[in-house]
C-alpha atoms as a PDB file:
ATOM      1  CA  MET A   1     -45.284  -6.976  -7.900  1.00  0.00           C
ATOM      2  CA  ILE A   2     -44.560  -5.476 -11.321  1.00  0.00           C
ATOM      3  CA  LEU A   3     -42.808  -2.502  -9.730  1.00  0.00           C
ATOM      4  CA  SER A   4     -40.643  -4.860  -7.703  1.00  0.00           C
ATOM      5  CA  ILE A   5     -39.619  -6.771 -10.829  1.00  0.00           C
ATOM      6  CA  ILE A   6     -38.813  -3.521 -12.634  1.00  0.00           C
ATOM      7  CA  LEU A   7     -36.748  -2.343  -9.675  1.00  0.00           C
ATOM      8  CA  ILE A   8     -34.797  -5.611  -9.634  1.00  0.00           C
ATOM      9  CA  PHE A   9     -34.011  -5.285 -13.346  1.00  0.00           C
ATOM     10  CA  ILE A  10     -32.890  -1.681 -12.812  1.00  0.00           C
ATOM     11  CA  ILE A  11     -30.574  -2.745  -9.981  1.00  0.00           C
ATOM     12  CA  ILE A  12     -29.148  -5.626 -12.024  1.00  0.00           C
ATOM     13  CA  GLY A  13     -28.643  -3.315 -15.022  1.00  0.00           C
ATOM     14  CA  ALA A  14     -26.883  -0.734 -12.870  1.00  0.00           C
ATOM     15  CA  PHE A  15     -24.660  -3.440 -11.389  1.00  0.00           C
ATOM     16  CA  PHE A  16     -23.593  -4.724 -14.820  1.00  0.00           C
ATOM     17  CA  PHE A  17     -23.079  -1.184 -16.154  1.00  0.00           C
ATOM     18  CA  ALA A  18     -20.869  -0.310 -13.179  1.00  0.00           C
ATOM     19  CA  GLY A  19     -18.846  -3.484 -13.759  1.00  0.00           C
ATOM     20  CA  TRP A  20     -18.486  -2.737 -17.472  1.00  0.00           C
ATOM     21  CA  THR A  21     -17.407   0.847 -16.735  1.00  0.00           C
ATOM     22  CA  LEU A  22     -14.813  -0.322 -14.212  1.00  0.00           C
ATOM     23  CA  LYS A  23     -13.438  -2.823 -16.735  1.00  0.00           C
ATOM     24  CA  ILE A  24     -13.095  -0.098 -19.381  1.00  0.00           C
ATOM     25  CA  GLN A  25     -11.375   2.245 -16.927  1.00  0.00           C
ATOM     26  CA  ARG A  26      -8.898  -0.454 -15.920  1.00  0.00           C
ATOM     27  CA  SER A  27      -8.072  -1.081 -19.579  1.00  0.00           C
ATOM     28  CA  TRP A  28      -7.520   2.675 -20.070  1.00  0.00           C
ATOM     29  CA  ARG A  29      -5.137   2.748 -17.106  1.00  0.00           C
ATOM     30  CA  LYS A  30      -3.150  -0.211 -18.464  1.00  0.00           C
ATOM     31  CA  CYS A  31      -2.903   1.393 -21.908  1.00  0.00           C
ATOM     32  CA  ALA A  32      -1.467   4.551 -20.344  1.00  0.00           C
ATOM     33  CA  GLU A  33       0.972   2.550 -18.198  1.00  0.00           C
ATOM     34  CA  ASN A  34       2.180   0.412 -21.107  1.00  0.00           C
ATOM     35  CA  GLY A  35       2.236   3.230 -23.630  1.00  0.00           C
ATOM     36  CA  ASN A  36       0.223   1.093 -26.038  1.00  0.00           C
ATOM     37  CA  PHE A  37      -3.130   2.410 -27.240  1.00  0.00           C
ATOM     38  CA  SER A  38      -3.783  -0.066 -30.060  1.00  0.00           C
ATOM     39  CA  SER A  39      -6.466  -1.886 -28.046  1.00  0.00           C
ATOM     40  CA  VAL A  40      -8.361   1.215 -26.897  1.00  0.00           C
ATOM     41  CA  LYS A  41     -12.117   1.089 -27.393  1.00  0.00           C
ATOM     42  CA  THR A  42     -15.031   3.419 -26.644  1.00  0.00           C
ATOM     43  CA  GLU A  43     -13.028   6.647 -27.004  1.00  0.00           C
ATOM     44  CA  PRO A  44     -14.788   9.547 -28.771  1.00  0.00           C
ATOM     45  CA  PHE A  45     -12.093   9.790 -31.468  1.00  0.00           C
ATOM     46  CA  PRO A  46      -8.732   8.098 -32.142  1.00  0.00           C
ATOM     47  CA  GLY A  47      -6.105   9.476 -29.778  1.00  0.00           C
ATOM     48  CA  ALA A  48      -8.563  10.836 -27.196  1.00  0.00           C
ATOM     49  CA  LEU A  49      -7.270   8.624 -24.383  1.00  0.00           C
ATOM     50  CA  CYS A  50      -3.637   9.212 -25.313  1.00  0.00           C
ATOM     51  CA  LEU A  51      -4.154  12.980 -25.356  1.00  0.00           C
ATOM     52  CA  SER A  52      -6.008  12.787 -22.031  1.00  0.00           C
ATOM     53  CA  ALA A  53      -3.003  10.986 -20.571  1.00  0.00           C
ATOM     54  CA  ILE A  54      -0.635  13.685 -21.879  1.00  0.00           C
ATOM     55  CA  VAL A  55      -2.766  16.440 -20.360  1.00  0.00           C
ATOM     56  CA  GLN A  56      -3.031  14.519 -17.083  1.00  0.00           C
ATOM     57  CA  SER A  57       0.746  14.049 -16.982  1.00  0.00           C
ATOM     58  CA  CYS A  58       1.182  17.827 -17.306  1.00  0.00           C
ATOM     59  CA  ILE A  59      -1.629  18.982 -15.029  1.00  0.00           C
ATOM     60  CA  GLY A  60      -1.535  16.233 -12.409  1.00  0.00           C
ATOM     61  CA  GLU A  61      -5.175  16.715 -11.410  1.00  0.00           C
ATOM     62  CA  SER A  62      -7.851  14.756 -13.251  1.00  0.00           C
ATOM     63  CA  ASN A  63     -10.736  17.174 -12.700  1.00  0.00           C
ATOM     64  CA  TYR A  64      -8.773  20.115 -14.076  1.00  0.00           C
ATOM     65  CA  ALA A  65      -7.375  18.076 -16.980  1.00  0.00           C
ATOM     66  CA  ALA A  66     -10.929  17.060 -17.891  1.00  0.00           C
ATOM     67  CA  ARG A  67     -12.030  20.719 -17.917  1.00  0.00           C
ATOM     68  CA  ILE A  68      -9.386  21.532 -20.510  1.00  0.00           C
ATOM     69  CA  MET A  69     -10.387  18.554 -22.678  1.00  0.00           C
ATOM     70  CA  GLU A  70     -14.041  19.593 -22.435  1.00  0.00           C
ATOM     71  CA  SER A  71     -13.276  23.207 -23.364  1.00  0.00           C
ATOM     72  CA  VAL A  72     -11.590  22.126 -26.614  1.00  0.00           C
ATOM     73  CA  PHE A  73     -13.597  19.099 -27.727  1.00  0.00           C
ATOM     74  CA  GLY A  74     -16.951  19.602 -26.062  1.00  0.00           C
ATOM     75  CA  ARG A  75     -18.859  16.479 -24.949  1.00  0.00           C
ATOM     76  CA  ARG A  76     -19.861  15.989 -21.332  1.00  0.00           C
ATOM     77  CA  PHE A  77     -17.366  16.762 -18.595  1.00  0.00           C
ATOM     78  CA  ASP A  78     -17.940  13.432 -16.832  1.00  0.00           C
ATOM     79  CA  GLU A  79     -16.842  11.529 -19.960  1.00  0.00           C
ATOM     80  CA  TRP A  80     -13.480  13.299 -19.964  1.00  0.00           C
ATOM     81  CA  ASN A  81     -13.186  13.059 -16.196  1.00  0.00           C
ATOM     82  CA  SER A  82     -13.651   9.310 -16.430  1.00  0.00           C
ATOM     83  CA  MET A  83     -10.697   9.146 -18.827  1.00  0.00           C
ATOM     84  CA  THR A  84      -8.380  11.512 -16.978  1.00  0.00           C
ATOM     85  CA  LYS A  85      -9.169   9.923 -13.628  1.00  0.00           C
ATOM     86  CA  SER A  86      -8.475   6.455 -15.037  1.00  0.00           C
ATOM     87  CA  VAL A  87      -5.047   7.400 -16.381  1.00  0.00           C
ATOM     88  CA  SER A  88      -4.253   9.293 -13.167  1.00  0.00           C
ATOM     89  CA  PHE A  89      -3.978   5.878 -11.462  1.00  0.00           C
ATOM     90  CA  ALA A  90      -1.311   4.728 -13.914  1.00  0.00           C
ATOM     91  CA  LYS A  91       1.954   3.888 -12.180  1.00  0.00           C
ATOM     92  CA  CYS A  92       3.959   6.044 -14.560  1.00  0.00           C
ATOM     93  CA  LEU A  93       3.062   8.373 -17.418  1.00  0.00           C
ATOM     94  CA  ASN A  94       5.994   8.751 -19.804  1.00  0.00           C
ATOM     95  CA  ARG A  95       5.177  12.014 -21.577  1.00  0.00           C
ATOM     96  CA  ASP A  96       7.586  11.543 -24.512  1.00  0.00           C
ATOM     97  CA  LEU A  97       6.296   8.016 -25.106  1.00  0.00           C
ATOM     98  CA  LEU A  98       2.721   9.308 -24.991  1.00  0.00           C
ATOM     99  CA  ILE A  99       3.521  11.974 -27.586  1.00  0.00           C
ATOM    100  CA  GLU A 100       5.125   9.333 -29.817  1.00  0.00           C
ATOM    101  CA  ASN A 101       2.035   7.165 -29.436  1.00  0.00           C
ATOM    102  CA  LEU A 102      -0.161  10.111 -30.398  1.00  0.00           C
ATOM    103  CA  ILE A 103       1.972  10.587 -33.525  1.00  0.00           C
ATOM    104  CA  SER A 104       1.507   6.920 -34.392  1.00  0.00           C
ATOM    105  CA  ILE A 105      -2.260   7.226 -33.971  1.00  0.00           C
ATOM    106  CA  ILE A 106      -2.397  10.389 -36.095  1.00  0.00           C
ATOM    107  CA  ASN A 107      -0.360   8.812 -38.892  1.00  0.00           C
ATOM    108  CA  LYS A 108      -2.871   5.974 -39.213  1.00  0.00           C
ATOM    109  CA  GLN A 109      -5.782   8.348 -39.827  1.00  0.00           C
ATOM    110  CA  ASN A 110      -7.017   9.849 -43.096  1.00  0.00           C
ATOM    111  CA  ASP A 111      -6.443  13.420 -44.253  1.00  0.00           C
ATOM    112  CA  ASP A 112      -9.879  14.606 -43.083  1.00  0.00           C
ATOM    113  CA  PHE A 113      -9.111  13.451 -39.557  1.00  0.00           C
ATOM    114  CA  LYS A 114      -5.720  15.176 -39.587  1.00  0.00           C
ATOM    115  CA  LEU A 115      -7.181  18.404 -40.913  1.00  0.00           C
ATOM    116  CA  LYS A 116      -9.814  18.480 -38.169  1.00  0.00           C
ATOM    117  CA  TYR A 117      -8.017  17.106 -35.137  1.00  0.00           C
ATOM    118  CA  ILE A 118      -4.355  18.114 -35.345  1.00  0.00           C
ATOM    119  CA  PRO A 119      -5.181  21.811 -34.691  1.00  0.00           C
ATOM    120  CA  LEU A 120      -7.414  20.721 -31.779  1.00  0.00           C
ATOM    121  CA  PHE A 121      -4.605  18.617 -30.326  1.00  0.00           C
ATOM    122  CA  PHE A 122      -2.326  21.652 -30.331  1.00  0.00           C
ATOM    123  CA  LYS A 123      -5.033  23.880 -28.820  1.00  0.00           C
ATOM    124  CA  THR A 124      -5.331  21.364 -25.986  1.00  0.00           C
ATOM    125  CA  LEU A 125      -1.596  21.184 -25.381  1.00  0.00           C
ATOM    126  CA  THR A 126      -0.956  24.932 -25.503  1.00  0.00           C
ATOM    127  CA  ALA A 127      -3.757  25.475 -22.976  1.00  0.00           C
ATOM    128  CA  THR A 128      -2.196  22.775 -20.802  1.00  0.00           C
ATOM    129  CA  GLU A 129       1.130  24.604 -21.053  1.00  0.00           C
ATOM    130  CA  PHE A 130      -0.256  27.934 -19.817  1.00  0.00           C
ATOM    131  CA  MET A 131       2.474  29.458 -17.562  1.00  0.00           C
ATOM    132  CA  TRP A 132       4.784  26.518 -18.395  1.00  0.00           C
ATOM    133  CA  ASN A 133       8.159  26.575 -16.628  1.00  0.00           C
ATOM    134  CA  GLU A 134      10.742  24.797 -18.751  1.00  0.00           C
ATOM    135  CA  LYS A 135      13.334  24.868 -15.938  1.00  0.00           C
ATOM    136  CA  THR A 136      11.157  22.737 -13.675  1.00  0.00           C
ATOM    137  CA  GLN A 137       8.864  21.016 -16.186  1.00  0.00           C
ATOM    138  CA  GLY A 138      11.177  20.358 -19.114  1.00  0.00           C
ATOM    139  CA  ASP A 139      10.345  20.863 -22.784  1.00  0.00           C
ATOM    140  CA  LYS A 140       6.796  21.617 -23.786  1.00  0.00           C
ATOM    141  CA  PRO A 141       4.841  18.619 -25.146  1.00  0.00           C
ATOM    142  CA  SER A 142       3.505  20.797 -27.983  1.00  0.00           C
ATOM    143  CA  GLU A 143       7.083  21.521 -29.098  1.00  0.00           C
ATOM    144  CA  TYR A 144       7.921  17.823 -29.261  1.00  0.00           C
ATOM    145  CA  LEU A 145       4.706  17.081 -31.153  1.00  0.00           C
ATOM    146  CA  LYS A 146       5.328  20.023 -33.498  1.00  0.00           C
ATOM    147  CA  ASN A 147       8.839  18.807 -34.308  1.00  0.00           C
ATOM    148  CA  LEU A 148       7.725  15.222 -34.935  1.00  0.00           C
ATOM    149  CA  LEU A 149       4.892  16.351 -37.196  1.00  0.00           C
ATOM    150  CA  ASN A 150       6.932  19.126 -38.825  1.00  0.00           C
ATOM    151  CA  TYR A 151       3.943  21.330 -38.056  1.00  0.00           C
ATOM    152  CA  SER A 152       3.734  25.095 -37.593  1.00  0.00           C
ATOM    153  CA  ILE A 153       1.546  26.550 -34.831  1.00  0.00           C
ATOM    154  CA  LYS A 154       0.659  29.996 -33.563  1.00  0.00           C
ATOM    155  CA  THR A 155       0.096  30.356 -29.839  1.00  0.00           C
ATOM    156  CA  ASP A 156      -2.819  32.414 -28.553  1.00  0.00           C
ATOM    157  CA  LYS A 157      -2.514  33.235 -24.848  1.00  0.00           C
ATOM    158  CA  THR A 158      -6.008  34.700 -24.720  1.00  0.00           C
ATOM    159  CA  ALA A 159      -7.579  31.531 -26.126  1.00  0.00           C
ATOM    160  CA  ASP A 160      -5.462  29.442 -23.744  1.00  0.00           C
ATOM    161  CA  ALA A 161      -6.678  31.560 -20.820  1.00  0.00           C
ATOM    162  CA  TYR A 162     -10.289  30.795 -21.702  1.00  0.00           C
ATOM    163  CA  ARG A 163      -9.524  27.078 -21.774  1.00  0.00           C
ATOM    164  CA  ILE A 164      -7.711  27.244 -18.435  1.00  0.00           C
ATOM    165  CA  LEU A 165     -11.067  28.351 -17.022  1.00  0.00           C
ATOM    166  CA  GLY A 166     -12.791  25.523 -18.886  1.00  0.00           C
ATOM    167  CA  LEU A 167     -14.443  27.927 -21.347  1.00  0.00           C
ATOM    168  CA  GLU A 168     -14.591  28.274 -25.096  1.00  0.00           C
ATOM    169  CA  PRO A 169     -12.846  31.393 -26.442  1.00  0.00           C
ATOM    170  CA  GLY A 170     -15.200  34.361 -26.556  1.00  0.00           C
ATOM    171  CA  ALA A 171     -17.230  33.375 -23.474  1.00  0.00           C
ATOM    172  CA  SER A 172     -19.048  36.227 -21.763  1.00  0.00           C
ATOM    173  CA  GLN A 173     -17.671  38.139 -18.776  1.00  0.00           C
ATOM    174  CA  GLU A 174     -20.388  36.578 -16.639  1.00  0.00           C
ATOM    175  CA  LYS A 175     -19.256  33.066 -17.581  1.00  0.00           C
ATOM    176  CA  ILE A 176     -15.641  34.052 -16.938  1.00  0.00           C
ATOM    177  CA  ARG A 177     -16.449  35.318 -13.437  1.00  0.00           C
ATOM    178  CA  LYS A 178     -18.574  32.276 -12.664  1.00  0.00           C
ATOM    179  CA  ALA A 179     -15.852  29.849 -13.804  1.00  0.00           C
ATOM    180  CA  HIS A 180     -13.231  31.787 -11.855  1.00  0.00           C
ATOM    181  CA  ARG A 181     -15.247  31.678  -8.627  1.00  0.00           C
ATOM    182  CA  ARG A 182     -15.801  27.933  -8.953  1.00  0.00           C
ATOM    183  CA  LEU A 183     -12.206  27.058  -9.805  1.00  0.00           C
ATOM    184  CA  ALA A 184     -10.594  29.502  -7.386  1.00  0.00           C
ATOM    185  CA  ALA A 185     -12.691  28.096  -4.547  1.00  0.00           C
ATOM    186  CA  ARG A 186     -11.675  24.558  -5.469  1.00  0.00           C
ATOM    187  CA  TYR A 187      -7.940  25.147  -5.856  1.00  0.00           C
ATOM    188  CA  HIS A 188      -7.220  27.925  -3.332  1.00  0.00           C
ATOM    189  CA  PRO A 189      -4.341  26.469  -1.271  1.00  0.00           C
ATOM    190  CA  ASP A 190      -5.446  28.113   1.987  1.00  0.00           C
ATOM    191  CA  ARG A 191      -9.198  27.532   1.730  1.00  0.00           C
ATOM    192  CA  ASN A 192      -9.420  23.963   0.501  1.00  0.00           C
ATOM    193  CA  ALA A 193      -7.105  21.465   2.142  1.00  0.00           C
ATOM    194  CA  GLU A 194      -8.357  18.585  -0.001  1.00  0.00           C
ATOM    195  CA  THR A 195      -8.027  20.046  -3.506  1.00  0.00           C
ATOM    196  CA  GLY A 196      -5.898  23.168  -2.907  1.00  0.00           C
ATOM    197  CA  ASN A 197      -3.095  23.586  -5.424  1.00  0.00           C
ATOM    198  CA  LEU A 198      -1.010  26.765  -5.592  1.00  0.00           C
ATOM    199  CA  ASP A 199       0.253  26.203  -9.150  1.00  0.00           C
ATOM    200  CA  MET A 200      -3.239  25.718 -10.583  1.00  0.00           C
ATOM    201  CA  PHE A 201      -4.631  28.546  -8.474  1.00  0.00           C
ATOM    202  CA  LEU A 202      -2.019  30.938  -9.931  1.00  0.00           C
ATOM    203  CA  LYS A 203      -2.889  29.787 -13.457  1.00  0.00           C
ATOM    204  CA  ILE A 204      -6.563  30.427 -12.768  1.00  0.00           C
ATOM    205  CA  GLN A 205      -5.844  33.886 -11.365  1.00  0.00           C
ATOM    206  CA  THR A 206      -3.575  34.824 -14.270  1.00  0.00           C
ATOM    207  CA  ALA A 207      -6.119  33.620 -16.829  1.00  0.00           C
ATOM    208  CA  TYR A 208      -8.890  35.534 -15.078  1.00  0.00           C
ATOM    209  CA  GLU A 209      -6.891  38.780 -14.947  1.00  0.00           C
ATOM    210  CA  LEU A 210      -6.030  38.428 -18.634  1.00  0.00           C
ATOM    211  CA  LEU A 211      -9.668  38.029 -19.656  1.00  0.00           C
ATOM    212  CA  THR A 212     -11.475  40.516 -17.425  1.00  0.00           C
ATOM    213  CA  ASP A 213     -12.096  44.129 -18.368  1.00  0.00           C
END
């Protein structure tokens, strides 16, 4: 009898948690669609959802976008995947508007926040822009952000290659090979009809070749 009551409470709790999560994800999607992040709640730091939307707009695949966010900011992958997947359902992601919103969010924060997070924002964007083609993709988001902030950055292709594989810079060769096998299997255009993506597969291969001995 007691076990049955406990089980019922667990089921009810799971039901309400699922409903709460769905409500949050819908609000995230609407924020991304409207380009207004003033009402965002439950994000790990100010601008997290906006940055996730920028990365998603560049990458176009929520799982991969989440890997890049995880490699820069840490935290659990499923937290980032929840964000990137939510904004992936937005009807339209206006990249310039998202960058301008990120600027607005940054300007409202104190100096300690800016000192810590602005470099991380650029690390995320430059990793996202690995093998960027300006002819087909337009101007780099990091360039627009840099100009609006009047900020100077140094690009590091090696560090970006690590993040393309979802790794922190300096990861071991074993971790590099393991990440490459997992990602290559997922995005190989000829081996996986569901998730195959030639552009991402080429990025993964290029990053792997850059990092391996």
